[in-house]
C-alpha atoms as a PDB file:
ATOM      1  CA  MET A   1    -165.175  28.656 -90.474  1.00  0.00           C
ATOM      2  CA  THR A   2    -168.283  28.327 -92.616  1.00  0.00           C
ATOM      3  CA  VAL A   3    -169.479  26.343 -95.515  1.00  0.00           C
ATOM      4  CA  CYS A   4    -171.788  28.054 -98.011  1.00  0.00           C
ATOM      5  CA  HIS A   5    -175.330  26.552 -98.140  1.00  0.00           C
ATOM      6  CA  THR A   6    -176.269  28.857-101.069  1.00  0.00           C
ATOM      7  CA  PRO A   7    -177.817  26.736-103.847  1.00  0.00           C
ATOM      8  CA  GLY A   8    -175.529  26.469-106.944  1.00  0.00           C
ATOM      9  CA  LYS A   9    -172.428  27.091-105.113  1.00  0.00           C
ATOM     10  CA  ARG A  10    -171.894  23.303-104.470  1.00  0.00           C
ATOM     11  CA  VAL A  11    -169.527  23.644-101.459  1.00  0.00           C
ATOM     12  CA  TRP A  12    -169.810  20.744 -98.943  1.00  0.00           C
ATOM     13  CA  ALA A  13    -166.454  20.437 -97.486  1.00  0.00           C
ATOM     14  CA  ARG A  14    -163.357  22.726 -97.615  1.00  0.00           C
ATOM     15  CA  ASP A  15    -159.610  22.393 -97.067  1.00  0.00           C
ATOM     16  CA  ASP A  16    -158.530  25.698 -95.551  1.00  0.00           C
ATOM     17  CA  ASP A  17    -155.090  25.084 -94.717  1.00  0.00           C
ATOM     18  CA  GLY A  18    -154.090  23.258 -97.782  1.00  0.00           C
ATOM     19  CA  ASP A  19    -152.879  19.928 -96.187  1.00  0.00           C
ATOM     20  CA  GLY A  20    -155.144  17.798 -98.157  1.00  0.00           C
ATOM     21  CA  ILE A  21    -157.684  17.106 -95.284  1.00  0.00           C
ATOM     22  CA  ARG A  22    -161.108  18.699 -95.586  1.00  0.00           C
ATOM     23  CA  GLU A  23    -161.571  20.157 -92.080  1.00  0.00           C
ATOM     24  CA  VAL A  24    -164.716  22.211 -92.575  1.00  0.00           C
ATOM     25  CA  HIS A  25    -167.768  20.108 -93.194  1.00  0.00           C
ATOM     26  CA  VAL A  26    -171.522  21.041 -92.996  1.00  0.00           C
ATOM     27  CA  ASN A  27    -172.167  17.686 -91.194  1.00  0.00           C
ATOM     28  CA  THR A  28    -169.458  18.267 -88.601  1.00  0.00           C
ATOM     29  CA  ILE A  29    -171.275  21.231 -86.911  1.00  0.00           C
ATOM     30  CA  GLU A  30    -174.683  19.767 -87.455  1.00  0.00           C
ATOM     31  CA  GLY A  31    -173.682  16.434 -85.952  1.00  0.00           C
ATOM     32  CA  LEU A  32    -172.203  18.299 -82.953  1.00  0.00           C
ATOM     33  CA  TRP A  33    -175.412  20.299 -82.388  1.00  0.00           C
ATOM     34  CA  THR A  34    -177.517  17.066 -82.818  1.00  0.00           C
ATOM     35  CA  GLY A  35    -175.247  15.329 -80.179  1.00  0.00           C
ATOM     36  CA  LEU A  36    -175.613  18.165 -77.729  1.00  0.00           C
ATOM     37  CA  ARG A  37    -179.334  18.275 -78.205  1.00  0.00           C
ATOM     38  CA  ASN A  38    -179.517  14.401 -77.433  1.00  0.00           C
ATOM     39  CA  PHE A  39    -177.213  14.873 -74.456  1.00  0.00           C
ATOM     40  CA  LEU A  40    -179.333  17.481 -72.973  1.00  0.00           C
ATOM     41  CA  ARG A  41    -182.780  15.920 -73.827  1.00  0.00           C
ATOM     42  CA  PRO A  42    -182.820  13.671 -70.549  1.00  0.00           C
ATOM     43  CA  PHE A  43    -182.445  16.694 -68.276  1.00  0.00           C
ATOM     44  CA  ARG A  44    -185.769  18.131 -69.587  1.00  0.00           C
ATOM     45  CA  GLY A  45    -184.568  21.816 -69.465  1.00  0.00           C
ATOM     46  CA  VAL A  46    -181.387  23.154 -68.194  1.00  0.00           C
ATOM     47  CA  ASN A  47    -181.089  26.255 -66.035  1.00  0.00           C
ATOM     48  CA  LYS A  48    -179.201  28.998 -68.044  1.00  0.00           C
ATOM     49  CA  ILE A  49    -176.914  29.347 -64.956  1.00  0.00           C
ATOM     50  CA  TYR A  50    -175.566  25.911 -65.287  1.00  0.00           C
ATOM     51  CA  LEU A  51    -175.740  25.630 -68.989  1.00  0.00           C
ATOM     52  CA  GLN A  52    -171.982  26.323 -69.296  1.00  0.00           C
ATOM     53  CA  GLN A  53    -171.042  23.427 -67.128  1.00  0.00           C
ATOM     54  CA  TYR A  54    -173.574  21.037 -69.084  1.00  0.00           C
ATOM     55  CA  LEU A  55    -171.589  22.248 -72.381  1.00  0.00           C
ATOM     56  CA  ALA A  56    -168.292  21.617 -70.708  1.00  0.00           C
ATOM     57  CA  VAL A  57    -169.362  18.031 -69.875  1.00  0.00           C
ATOM     58  CA  HIS A  58    -170.625  17.343 -73.360  1.00  0.00           C
ATOM     59  CA  GLU A  59    -167.386  18.939 -74.880  1.00  0.00           C
ATOM     60  CA  TRP A  60    -165.371  16.633 -72.723  1.00  0.00           C
ATOM     61  CA  ALA A  61    -167.324  13.440 -73.686  1.00  0.00           C
ATOM     62  CA  HIS A  62    -167.204  14.573 -77.472  1.00  0.00           C
ATOM     63  CA  ASN A  63    -163.440  14.763 -77.479  1.00  0.00           C
ATOM     64  CA  LEU A  64    -162.672  11.623 -75.392  1.00  0.00           C
ATOM     65  CA  LYS A  65    -161.634   9.283 -78.115  1.00  0.00           C
ATOM     66  CA  GLU A  66    -161.350   5.982 -76.009  1.00  0.00           C
ATOM     67  CA  VAL A  67    -161.927   5.030 -72.513  1.00  0.00           C
ATOM     68  CA  THR A  68    -158.508   4.139 -70.980  1.00  0.00           C
ATOM     69  CA  LEU A  69    -157.525   2.807 -67.462  1.00  0.00           C
ATOM     70  CA  GLU A  70    -156.314   6.270 -66.693  1.00  0.00           C
ATOM     71  CA  PHE A  71    -159.673   7.771 -67.625  1.00  0.00           C
ATOM     72  CA  LEU A  72    -161.474   5.350 -65.351  1.00  0.00           C
ATOM     73  CA  ARG A  73    -159.110   6.168 -62.452  1.00  0.00           C
ATOM     74  CA  ILE A  74    -159.959   9.858 -62.713  1.00  0.00           C
ATOM     75  CA  LEU A  75    -163.610   9.138 -63.117  1.00  0.00           C
ATOM     76  CA  CYS A  76    -163.708   7.068 -60.038  1.00  0.00           C
ATOM     77  CA  GLY A  77    -161.267   9.393 -57.990  1.00  0.00           C
ATOM     78  CA  VAL A  78    -158.464   6.795 -57.559  1.00  0.00           C
ATOM     79  CA  THR A  79    -155.247   8.587 -56.957  1.00  0.00           C
ATOM     80  CA  GLN A  80    -152.920   5.771 -56.152  1.00  0.00           C
ATOM     81  CA  ILE A  81    -152.729   2.096 -57.442  1.00  0.00           C
ATOM     82  CA  ALA A  82    -152.371  -0.464 -54.700  1.00  0.00           C
ATOM     83  CA  PRO A  83    -149.211  -2.564 -55.126  1.00  0.00           C
END
């Protein structure tokens, strides 16, 4: 999905499936790339062999909407809750 940046077209967001929600935004992908760049910056260069793994971690963190108790258990490796 793309949004046309051509001057005069004036398309900033589009509703492709007709449900009334404009899913395709210029700012959506630009914000995602900015977030990825900021995520990778502290590593000061990433070996291309491991880039896919860094991208997977960023994707997971980006899609995580809230930190739950279940998330913390997974993160800490806790498999059972003590009675």
